[in-house]
C-alpha atoms as a PDB file:
ATOM      1  CA  MET A   1      -0.727  53.876  47.057  1.00  0.00           C
ATOM      2  CA  LYS A   2      -0.376  51.179  49.711  1.00  0.00           C
ATOM      3  CA  ILE A   3       1.739  48.158  48.786  1.00  0.00           C
ATOM      4  CA  LEU A   4       1.868  44.723  50.399  1.00  0.00           C
ATOM      5  CA  VAL A   5       5.173  42.887  50.000  1.00  0.00           C
ATOM      6  CA  THR A   6       5.181  39.130  50.595  1.00  0.00           C
ATOM      7  CA  GLY A   7       8.262  37.152  51.578  1.00  0.00           C
ATOM      8  CA  VAL A   8      10.103  39.953  53.373  1.00  0.00           C
ATOM      9  CA  GLY A   9      12.105  37.318  55.253  1.00  0.00           C
ATOM     10  CA  GLY A  10      13.879  36.464  51.991  1.00  0.00           C
ATOM     11  CA  GLN A  11      16.612  38.209  50.019  1.00  0.00           C
ATOM     12  CA  LEU A  12      14.439  40.057  47.524  1.00  0.00           C
ATOM     13  CA  GLY A  13      11.388  40.820  49.664  1.00  0.00           C
ATOM     14  CA  TYR A  14      13.650  42.310  52.333  1.00  0.00           C
ATOM     15  CA  ASP A  15      15.212  44.742  49.863  1.00  0.00           C
ATOM     16  CA  VAL A  16      11.897  45.588  48.189  1.00  0.00           C
ATOM     17  CA  ILE A  17      10.343  46.824  51.411  1.00  0.00           C
ATOM     18  CA  LYS A  18      13.529  48.698  52.287  1.00  0.00           C
ATOM     19  CA  GLU A  19      13.323  50.440  48.895  1.00  0.00           C
ATOM     20  CA  LEU A  20       9.672  51.354  49.467  1.00  0.00           C
ATOM     21  CA  ASP A  21      10.510  52.719  52.930  1.00  0.00           C
ATOM     22  CA  LYS A  22      13.363  54.747  51.483  1.00  0.00           C
ATOM     23  CA  ARG A  23      10.985  56.400  49.017  1.00  0.00           C
ATOM     24  CA  GLY A  24       8.317  57.031  51.622  1.00  0.00           C
ATOM     25  CA  ILE A  25       5.758  54.808  49.908  1.00  0.00           C
ATOM     26  CA  PRO A  26       3.251  53.276  52.367  1.00  0.00           C
ATOM     27  CA  CYS A  27       3.913  49.544  52.609  1.00  0.00           C
ATOM     28  CA  ILE A  28       3.353  46.465  54.732  1.00  0.00           C
ATOM     29  CA  GLY A  29       5.720  43.530  54.863  1.00  0.00           C
ATOM     30  CA  SER A  30       4.510  39.981  55.313  1.00  0.00           C
ATOM     31  CA  ASP A  31       5.961  36.531  55.782  1.00  0.00           C
ATOM     32  CA  ILE A  32       5.001  33.306  57.503  1.00  0.00           C
ATOM     33  CA  ALA A  33       6.967  34.159  60.674  1.00  0.00           C
ATOM     34  CA  PRO A  34       4.772  35.316  63.572  1.00  0.00           C
ATOM     35  CA  GLU A  35       6.728  38.532  64.005  1.00  0.00           C
ATOM     36  CA  ASN A  36       9.589  40.437  62.432  1.00  0.00           C
ATOM     37  CA  ALA A  37      11.231  43.110  64.565  1.00  0.00           C
ATOM     38  CA  GLU A  38      13.005  44.644  61.571  1.00  0.00           C
ATOM     39  CA  PHE A  39       9.789  46.008  60.102  1.00  0.00           C
ATOM     40  CA  ALA A  40       7.482  48.471  61.835  1.00  0.00           C
ATOM     41  CA  ASP A  41       4.589  47.563  59.563  1.00  0.00           C
ATOM     42  CA  TYR A  42       4.515  43.767  59.369  1.00  0.00           C
ATOM     43  CA  ILE A  43       1.882  41.041  59.380  1.00  0.00           C
ATOM     44  CA  SER A  44       2.251  37.304  59.669  1.00  0.00           C
ATOM     45  CA  LEU A  45       0.685  35.750  56.574  1.00  0.00           C
ATOM     46  CA  ASP A  46       0.628  32.186  55.283  1.00  0.00           C
ATOM     47  CA  ILE A  47      -0.136  32.643  51.578  1.00  0.00           C
ATOM     48  CA  VAL A  48      -1.435  29.055  51.399  1.00  0.00           C
ATOM     49  CA  ASP A  49      -4.343  30.137  53.637  1.00  0.00           C
ATOM     50  CA  LYS A  50      -6.811  31.580  51.117  1.00  0.00           C
ATOM     51  CA  GLU A  51      -9.083  33.211  53.693  1.00  0.00           C
ATOM     52  CA  ALA A  52      -6.155  34.827  55.497  1.00  0.00           C
ATOM     53  CA  VAL A  53      -4.791  36.218  52.224  1.00  0.00           C
ATOM     54  CA  GLU A  54      -8.155  37.666  51.217  1.00  0.00           C
ATOM     55  CA  LYS A  55      -8.680  39.216  54.658  1.00  0.00           C
ATOM     56  CA  ALA A  56      -5.209  40.776  54.699  1.00  0.00           C
ATOM     57  CA  ILE A  57      -5.443  42.301  51.233  1.00  0.00           C
ATOM     58  CA  THR A  58      -8.983  43.540  51.860  1.00  0.00           C
ATOM     59  CA  ASP A  59      -8.478  44.879  55.387  1.00  0.00           C
ATOM     60  CA  LEU A  60      -5.233  46.639  54.449  1.00  0.00           C
ATOM     61  CA  ARG A  61      -6.953  48.298  51.489  1.00  0.00           C
ATOM     62  CA  THR A  62      -4.061  47.185  49.340  1.00  0.00           C
ATOM     63  CA  ASP A  63      -3.490  48.949  46.022  1.00  0.00           C
ATOM     64  CA  ALA A  64      -0.712  46.626  44.886  1.00  0.00           C
ATOM     65  CA  VAL A  65       1.126  43.461  45.884  1.00  0.00           C
ATOM     66  CA  ILE A  66       4.773  42.704  45.132  1.00  0.00           C
ATOM     67  CA  HIS A  67       4.790  38.953  45.563  1.00  0.00           C
ATOM     68  CA  CYS A  68       8.280  37.772  46.536  1.00  0.00           C
ATOM     69  CA  ALA A  69       7.314  34.823  48.761  1.00  0.00           C
ATOM     70  CA  ALA A  70       8.181  31.478  47.186  1.00  0.00           C
ATOM     71  CA  TRP A  71       9.669  28.043  47.690  1.00  0.00           C
ATOM     72  CA  THR A  72      13.124  28.503  46.141  1.00  0.00           C
ATOM     73  CA  ALA A  73      15.055  25.409  47.330  1.00  0.00           C
ATOM     74  CA  VAL A  74      15.416  23.808  43.892  1.00  0.00           C
ATOM     75  CA  ASP A  75      16.828  20.416  44.876  1.00  0.00           C
ATOM     76  CA  ALA A  76      14.602  20.006  47.933  1.00  0.00           C
ATOM     77  CA  ALA A  77      11.596  20.666  45.701  1.00  0.00           C
ATOM     78  CA  GLU A  78      12.128  17.321  43.969  1.00  0.00           C
ATOM     79  CA  ASP A  79      11.112  15.484  47.153  1.00  0.00           C
ATOM     80  CA  ASN A  80       8.397  17.930  48.248  1.00  0.00           C
ATOM     81  CA  GLU A  81       6.230  18.541  45.202  1.00  0.00           C
ATOM     82  CA  ALA A  82       2.954  18.961  47.108  1.00  0.00           C
ATOM     83  CA  LYS A  83       4.444  21.521  49.493  1.00  0.00           C
ATOM     84  CA  VAL A  84       6.162  23.377  46.645  1.00  0.00           C
ATOM     85  CA  ARG A  85       2.967  23.619  44.635  1.00  0.00           C
ATOM     86  CA  ALA A  86       0.993  24.732  47.691  1.00  0.00           C
ATOM     87  CA  VAL A  87       3.286  27.757  48.040  1.00  0.00           C
ATOM     88  CA  ASN A  88       4.303  28.595  44.465  1.00  0.00           C
ATOM     89  CA  VAL A  89       1.023  27.791  42.732  1.00  0.00           C
ATOM     90  CA  ASP A  90      -1.871  27.789  45.215  1.00  0.00           C
ATOM     91  CA  GLY A  91      -0.423  30.621  47.306  1.00  0.00           C
ATOM     92  CA  THR A  92       0.158  32.725  44.215  1.00  0.00           C
ATOM     93  CA  LYS A  93      -3.369  32.052  42.981  1.00  0.00           C
ATOM     94  CA  ASN A  94      -4.752  33.092  46.371  1.00  0.00           C
ATOM     95  CA  ILE A  95      -2.980  36.431  46.083  1.00  0.00           C
ATOM     96  CA  ALA A  96      -4.022  36.965  42.457  1.00  0.00           C
ATOM     97  CA  GLU A  97      -7.684  36.246  43.211  1.00  0.00           C
ATOM     98  CA  SER A  98      -7.652  38.596  46.204  1.00  0.00           C
ATOM     99  CA  CYS A  99      -5.988  41.313  44.105  1.00  0.00           C
ATOM    100  CA  LYS A 100      -8.756  40.928  41.544  1.00  0.00           C
ATOM    101  CA  LYS A 101     -11.448  41.447  44.191  1.00  0.00           C
ATOM    102  CA  VAL A 102      -9.981  44.791  45.261  1.00  0.00           C
ATOM    103  CA  CYS A 103      -8.682  45.841  41.799  1.00  0.00           C
ATOM    104  CA  ALA A 104      -5.065  45.786  43.003  1.00  0.00           C
ATOM    105  CA  LYS A 105      -1.997  45.488  40.800  1.00  0.00           C
ATOM    106  CA  MET A 106       0.357  42.554  41.257  1.00  0.00           C
ATOM    107  CA  ILE A 107       4.007  41.811  40.528  1.00  0.00           C
ATOM    108  CA  TYR A 108       4.918  38.124  40.459  1.00  0.00           C
ATOM    109  CA  ILE A 109       8.601  37.177  40.600  1.00  0.00           C
ATOM    110  CA  SER A 110       9.409  34.256  38.322  1.00  0.00           C
ATOM    111  CA  THR A 111      12.494  32.551  36.922  1.00  0.00           C
ATOM    112  CA  ASP A 112      14.383  31.408  33.846  1.00  0.00           C
ATOM    113  CA  TYR A 113      13.599  27.861  35.041  1.00  0.00           C
ATOM    114  CA  VAL A 114      10.240  28.044  33.235  1.00  0.00           C
ATOM    115  CA  PHE A 115      12.232  27.342  30.034  1.00  0.00           C
ATOM    116  CA  ASP A 116      14.152  24.205  29.089  1.00  0.00           C
ATOM    117  CA  GLY A 117      17.541  25.931  29.150  1.00  0.00           C
ATOM    118  CA  GLN A 118      18.603  24.686  25.734  1.00  0.00           C
ATOM    119  CA  GLY A 119      20.286  26.582  22.879  1.00  0.00           C
ATOM    120  CA  ASN A 120      22.348  29.756  22.985  1.00  0.00           C
ATOM    121  CA  GLU A 121      19.827  32.485  22.191  1.00  0.00           C
ATOM    122  CA  PRO A 122      18.519  34.703  25.000  1.00  0.00           C
ATOM    123  CA  TRP A 123      14.974  33.926  26.082  1.00  0.00           C
ATOM    124  CA  GLN A 124      12.475  36.638  25.171  1.00  0.00           C
ATOM    125  CA  PRO A 125      10.029  37.791  27.884  1.00  0.00           C
ATOM    126  CA  ASP A 126       7.003  37.073  25.687  1.00  0.00           C
ATOM    127  CA  CYS A 127       8.241  33.619  24.620  1.00  0.00           C
ATOM    128  CA  ARG A 128       5.786  30.846  25.450  1.00  0.00           C
ATOM    129  CA  ASP A 129       8.022  27.867  24.674  1.00  0.00           C
ATOM    130  CA  TYR A 130       7.783  26.573  28.214  1.00  0.00           C
ATOM    131  CA  ALA A 131       9.417  23.288  29.182  1.00  0.00           C
ATOM    132  CA  PRO A 132      10.573  23.326  32.818  1.00  0.00           C
ATOM    133  CA  LEU A 133      13.272  20.814  33.719  1.00  0.00           C
ATOM    134  CA  ASN A 134      12.320  20.356  37.353  1.00  0.00           C
ATOM    135  CA  ILE A 135       9.507  20.624  39.896  1.00  0.00           C
ATOM    136  CA  TYR A 136      10.557  24.099  41.017  1.00  0.00           C
ATOM    137  CA  GLY A 137      10.460  25.409  37.438  1.00  0.00           C
ATOM    138  CA  GLN A 138       7.066  23.836  36.775  1.00  0.00           C
ATOM    139  CA  SER A 139       5.650  25.338  39.969  1.00  0.00           C
ATOM    140  CA  LYS A 140       6.870  28.812  39.036  1.00  0.00           C
ATOM    141  CA  LEU A 141       5.398  28.450  35.551  1.00  0.00           C
ATOM    142  CA  ASP A 142       2.061  27.387  36.990  1.00  0.00           C
ATOM    143  CA  GLY A 143       2.262  30.395  39.294  1.00  0.00           C
ATOM    144  CA  GLU A 144       2.767  32.615  36.242  1.00  0.00           C
ATOM    145  CA  LEU A 145      -0.281  31.123  34.591  1.00  0.00           C
ATOM    146  CA  ALA A 146      -2.367  31.582  37.738  1.00  0.00           C
ATOM    147  CA  VAL A 147      -1.569  35.294  37.682  1.00  0.00           C
ATOM    148  CA  ALA A 148      -2.017  35.803  33.945  1.00  0.00           C
ATOM    149  CA  ASN A 149      -5.296  33.874  33.858  1.00  0.00           C
ATOM    150  CA  THR A 150      -6.730  35.797  36.819  1.00  0.00           C
ATOM    151  CA  LEU A 151      -5.626  39.416  36.463  1.00  0.00           C
ATOM    152  CA  ASP A 152      -5.388  42.119  33.837  1.00  0.00           C
ATOM    153  CA  LYS A 153      -3.174  44.419  35.916  1.00  0.00           C
ATOM    154  CA  TYR A 154      -0.088  42.283  36.449  1.00  0.00           C
ATOM    155  CA  PHE A 155       3.653  42.205  35.900  1.00  0.00           C
ATOM    156  CA  ILE A 156       5.486  38.891  35.623  1.00  0.00           C
ATOM    157  CA  VAL A 157       9.199  39.497  36.140  1.00  0.00           C
ATOM    158  CA  ARG A 158      11.611  36.643  35.492  1.00  0.00           C
ATOM    159  CA  THR A 159      15.046  36.842  37.031  1.00  0.00           C
ATOM    160  CA  ALA A 160      18.034  34.552  37.674  1.00  0.00           C
ATOM    161  CA  TRP A 161      21.135  33.999  39.798  1.00  0.00           C
ATOM    162  CA  VAL A 162      19.898  36.194  42.648  1.00  0.00           C
ATOM    163  CA  PHE A 163      22.179  37.413  45.430  1.00  0.00           C
ATOM    164  CA  GLY A 164      21.642  39.845  48.294  1.00  0.00           C
ATOM    165  CA  ALA A 165      22.771  40.588  51.827  1.00  0.00           C
ATOM    166  CA  HIS A 166      19.729  39.132  53.573  1.00  0.00           C
ATOM    167  CA  GLY A 167      19.976  35.372  53.106  1.00  0.00           C
ATOM    168  CA  ASN A 168      22.135  32.665  51.593  1.00  0.00           C
ATOM    169  CA  ASN A 169      23.302  32.736  47.990  1.00  0.00           C
ATOM    170  CA  PHE A 170      26.038  31.640  45.590  1.00  0.00           C
ATOM    171  CA  VAL A 171      28.378  34.532  46.425  1.00  0.00           C
ATOM    172  CA  LYS A 172      28.327  33.794  50.149  1.00  0.00           C
ATOM    173  CA  THR A 173      28.873  30.107  49.471  1.00  0.00           C
ATOM    174  CA  MET A 174      31.866  30.760  47.207  1.00  0.00           C
ATOM    175  CA  LEU A 175      33.421  33.158  49.721  1.00  0.00           C
ATOM    176  CA  LYS A 176      33.096  30.571  52.469  1.00  0.00           C
ATOM    177  CA  VAL A 177      34.516  27.760  50.331  1.00  0.00           C
ATOM    178  CA  GLY A 178      37.268  29.986  48.973  1.00  0.00           C
ATOM    179  CA  SER A 179      38.437  30.883  52.472  1.00  0.00           C
ATOM    180  CA  THR A 180      38.829  27.238  53.492  1.00  0.00           C
ATOM    181  CA  HIS A 181      39.971  25.528  50.265  1.00  0.00           C
ATOM    182  CA  ASP A 182      42.925  26.029  47.923  1.00  0.00           C
ATOM    183  CA  GLU A 183      40.874  25.021  44.890  1.00  0.00           C
ATOM    184  CA  VAL A 184      37.206  24.951  43.899  1.00  0.00           C
ATOM    185  CA  ARG A 185      35.529  23.289  40.908  1.00  0.00           C
ATOM    186  CA  VAL A 186      32.796  25.367  39.262  1.00  0.00           C
ATOM    187  CA  VAL A 187      30.661  24.615  36.229  1.00  0.00           C
ATOM    188  CA  ASN A 188      31.386  26.604  33.086  1.00  0.00           C
ATOM    189  CA  ASP A 189      28.616  25.365  30.776  1.00  0.00           C
ATOM    190  CA  GLN A 190      25.639  27.005  32.515  1.00  0.00           C
ATOM    191  CA  ILE A 191      25.329  30.560  31.188  1.00  0.00           C
ATOM    192  CA  GLY A 192      23.374  33.506  32.559  1.00  0.00           C
ATOM    193  CA  THR A 193      23.719  36.807  34.432  1.00  0.00           C
ATOM    194  CA  PRO A 194      23.657  37.552  38.175  1.00  0.00           C
ATOM    195  CA  THR A 195      20.985  39.716  39.798  1.00  0.00           C
ATOM    196  CA  TYR A 196      21.628  41.917  42.848  1.00  0.00           C
ATOM    197  CA  THR A 197      18.486  42.252  44.947  1.00  0.00           C
ATOM    198  CA  PRO A 198      18.715  46.004  45.771  1.00  0.00           C
ATOM    199  CA  ASP A 199      18.991  46.724  42.038  1.00  0.00           C
ATOM    200  CA  LEU A 200      16.027  44.494  41.226  1.00  0.00           C
ATOM    201  CA  ALA A 201      14.055  45.985  44.119  1.00  0.00           C
ATOM    202  CA  ARG A 202      14.539  49.473  42.656  1.00  0.00           C
ATOM    203  CA  LEU A 203      13.160  48.287  39.325  1.00  0.00           C
ATOM    204  CA  LEU A 204      10.146  46.575  40.902  1.00  0.00           C
ATOM    205  CA  VAL A 205       9.216  49.710  42.839  1.00  0.00           C
ATOM    206  CA  ASP A 206       9.555  51.768  39.653  1.00  0.00           C
ATOM    207  CA  MET A 207       7.414  49.244  37.817  1.00  0.00           C
ATOM    208  CA  ILE A 208       4.557  48.954  40.317  1.00  0.00           C
ATOM    209  CA  GLN A 209       3.927  52.695  40.006  1.00  0.00           C
ATOM    210  CA  THR A 210       3.106  52.345  36.292  1.00  0.00           C
ATOM    211  CA  ASP A 211       0.487  50.588  34.186  1.00  0.00           C
ATOM    212  CA  LYS A 212       2.996  49.080  31.749  1.00  0.00           C
ATOM    213  CA  TYR A 213       1.794  45.564  32.469  1.00  0.00           C
ATOM    214  CA  GLY A 214       3.097  42.310  31.014  1.00  0.00           C
ATOM    215  CA  TYR A 215       6.054  39.938  31.051  1.00  0.00           C
ATOM    216  CA  TYR A 216       9.594  41.217  31.682  1.00  0.00           C
ATOM    217  CA  HIS A 217      13.081  39.842  32.201  1.00  0.00           C
ATOM    218  CA  ALA A 218      15.375  41.511  34.715  1.00  0.00           C
ATOM    219  CA  THR A 219      18.949  40.709  35.684  1.00  0.00           C
ATOM    220  CA  ASN A 220      21.960  42.970  35.988  1.00  0.00           C
ATOM    221  CA  GLU A 221      23.631  44.144  32.804  1.00  0.00           C
ATOM    222  CA  GLY A 222      27.213  43.298  31.823  1.00  0.00           C
ATOM    223  CA  GLY A 223      26.801  40.350  29.474  1.00  0.00           C
ATOM    224  CA  TYR A 224      26.261  36.635  29.848  1.00  0.00           C
ATOM    225  CA  ILE A 225      28.713  34.608  31.912  1.00  0.00           C
ATOM    226  CA  SER A 226      29.163  31.162  33.453  1.00  0.00           C
ATOM    227  CA  TRP A 227      29.178  30.286  37.130  1.00  0.00           C
ATOM    228  CA  TYR A 228      32.938  29.784  36.655  1.00  0.00           C
ATOM    229  CA  ASP A 229      33.314  33.358  35.361  1.00  0.00           C
ATOM    230  CA  PHE A 230      31.240  34.652  38.244  1.00  0.00           C
ATOM    231  CA  THR A 231      33.380  32.816  40.803  1.00  0.00           C
ATOM    232  CA  LYS A 232      36.608  34.141  39.280  1.00  0.00           C
ATOM    233  CA  GLU A 233      35.323  37.696  39.623  1.00  0.00           C
ATOM    234  CA  ILE A 234      34.086  37.102  43.179  1.00  0.00           C
ATOM    235  CA  TYR A 235      37.552  35.968  44.233  1.00  0.00           C
ATOM    236  CA  ARG A 236      39.305  38.743  42.307  1.00  0.00           C
ATOM    237  CA  GLN A 237      37.255  41.442  43.984  1.00  0.00           C
ATOM    238  CA  ALA A 238      37.459  39.758  47.399  1.00  0.00           C
ATOM    239  CA  GLY A 239      41.231  39.391  47.136  1.00  0.00           C
ATOM    240  CA  LEU A 240      41.167  35.584  47.425  1.00  0.00           C
ATOM    241  CA  THR A 241      43.823  33.525  45.655  1.00  0.00           C
ATOM    242  CA  THR A 242      41.775  30.312  45.564  1.00  0.00           C
ATOM    243  CA  LYS A 243      42.250  28.404  42.307  1.00  0.00           C
ATOM    244  CA  VAL A 244      39.031  28.088  40.291  1.00  0.00           C
ATOM    245  CA  THR A 245      38.893  25.061  38.013  1.00  0.00           C
ATOM    246  CA  PRO A 246      36.246  24.993  35.262  1.00  0.00           C
ATOM    247  CA  VAL A 247      34.272  21.757  34.851  1.00  0.00           C
ATOM    248  CA  THR A 248      31.235  20.718  32.876  1.00  0.00           C
ATOM    249  CA  THR A 249      27.939  20.001  34.572  1.00  0.00           C
ATOM    250  CA  ALA A 250      28.496  16.324  33.805  1.00  0.00           C
ATOM    251  CA  GLU A 251      31.977  16.390  35.365  1.00  0.00           C
ATOM    252  CA  TYR A 252      30.714  18.218  38.454  1.00  0.00           C
ATOM    253  CA  GLY A 253      28.066  15.591  39.072  1.00  0.00           C
ATOM    254  CA  LEU A 254      24.324  15.687  38.712  1.00  0.00           C
ATOM    255  CA  SER A 255      22.262  17.441  41.339  1.00  0.00           C
ATOM    256  CA  LYS A 256      18.849  16.113  42.289  1.00  0.00           C
ATOM    257  CA  ALA A 257      17.135  18.699  40.091  1.00  0.00           C
ATOM    258  CA  LYS A 258      18.211  19.350  36.504  1.00  0.00           C
ATOM    259  CA  ARG A 259      19.662  22.809  35.870  1.00  0.00           C
ATOM    260  CA  PRO A 260      19.278  24.834  32.652  1.00  0.00           C
ATOM    261  CA  PHE A 261      22.379  25.371  30.529  1.00  0.00           C
ATOM    262  CA  ASN A 262      20.996  28.497  28.884  1.00  0.00           C
ATOM    263  CA  SER A 263      19.768  31.060  31.407  1.00  0.00           C
ATOM    264  CA  ARG A 264      20.295  34.017  29.079  1.00  0.00           C
ATOM    265  CA  LEU A 265      17.385  36.423  29.521  1.00  0.00           C
ATOM    266  CA  ASP A 266      16.745  39.206  27.025  1.00  0.00           C
ATOM    267  CA  LYS A 267      16.073  42.399  28.989  1.00  0.00           C
ATOM    268  CA  SER A 268      15.589  44.892  26.138  1.00  0.00           C
ATOM    269  CA  LYS A 269      11.851  45.195  26.881  1.00  0.00           C
ATOM    270  CA  LEU A 270      12.701  47.119  30.063  1.00  0.00           C
ATOM    271  CA  ALA A 271      14.281  50.071  28.267  1.00  0.00           C
ATOM    272  CA  ALA A 272      11.705  49.844  25.466  1.00  0.00           C
ATOM    273  CA  ASN A 273       9.004  50.485  28.081  1.00  0.00           C
ATOM    274  CA  GLY A 274      10.844  53.314  29.807  1.00  0.00           C
ATOM    275  CA  PHE A 275      12.373  51.392  32.708  1.00  0.00           C
ATOM    276  CA  THR A 276      15.988  51.914  33.738  1.00  0.00           C
ATOM    277  CA  PRO A 277      17.999  48.672  33.320  1.00  0.00           C
ATOM    278  CA  LEU A 278      19.937  47.261  36.245  1.00  0.00           C
ATOM    279  CA  PRO A 279      23.646  48.243  36.533  1.00  0.00           C
ATOM    280  CA  ASP A 280      26.554  46.055  35.442  1.00  0.00           C
ATOM    281  CA  TRP A 281      26.835  42.885  37.540  1.00  0.00           C
ATOM    282  CA  LYS A 282      30.503  43.591  38.348  1.00  0.00           C
ATOM    283  CA  ASP A 283      29.510  46.938  39.830  1.00  0.00           C
ATOM    284  CA  ALA A 284      26.721  45.216  41.751  1.00  0.00           C
ATOM    285  CA  LEU A 285      29.147  42.613  43.096  1.00  0.00           C
ATOM    286  CA  GLU A 286      31.535  45.328  44.235  1.00  0.00           C
ATOM    287  CA  ARG A 287      28.773  47.103  46.152  1.00  0.00           C
ATOM    288  CA  TYR A 288      27.650  43.817  47.673  1.00  0.00           C
ATOM    289  CA  LEU A 289      31.099  42.748  48.836  1.00  0.00           C
ATOM    290  CA  LYS A 290      31.661  46.154  50.478  1.00  0.00           C
ATOM    291  CA  GLN A 291      28.463  45.560  52.416  1.00  0.00           C
ATOM    292  CA  ILE A 292      29.164  42.028  53.661  1.00  0.00           C
ATOM    293  CA  ILE A 293      32.962  41.809  54.014  1.00  0.00           C
END
């Protein structure tokens, strides 16, 4: 099996190709950058370029694609809808159509933002009550539909609150703020679960080697928490004494893009289909902090 991984310049794609390398599975990393010295097998690929995508997937004799490339800047998306859709929708469709031509499997990474974020019940992976709150969420939903309407052999994996060593994320931001401020204000009415990219990468590599296709949710285990709870644990493990003050989303101030209050994702389908769930998020955070501090 030869696997193409898109978006290896990002947090998740970087760890996916590292996981494939670790297992000795033939793989090629791709991103829009002209070169990437960290990867021996790397191609520059703009997923918006349909002909380039088709040529790459065909010439490489790709058996599967783990599609991690995406526009993920949620607030910036509000002012760049055309560019966002070109990457998250058109680029994804280009990959799906090329996979179909060579009978390749595909994993598409999606998000809880495809839902409206209301209520308190965890979202089920096969729920179709879509109502994205922002342009980013709508683009990821339309990317999902492009995959599902094109392929039979696909996995759509929704995740949330992603953090990893290769790139910027909430944990790094809180550590930086906590080291320079005596107090931070963090919202406590947005609820979800963090996801550590090496743990998710392990799952995706497990998944791509099966034919258990469909929709899945994947975050770390350990229960549902708020961003406030997450920050408290970050500082506890990092040994910071910064005061964390809980505030509502309304008190914090509106961002350009609306955020979901309910990011609870039900992950029981993973175990039901024989996949090993991700470890507890506190354990994941501990491993992460040891790596970056």
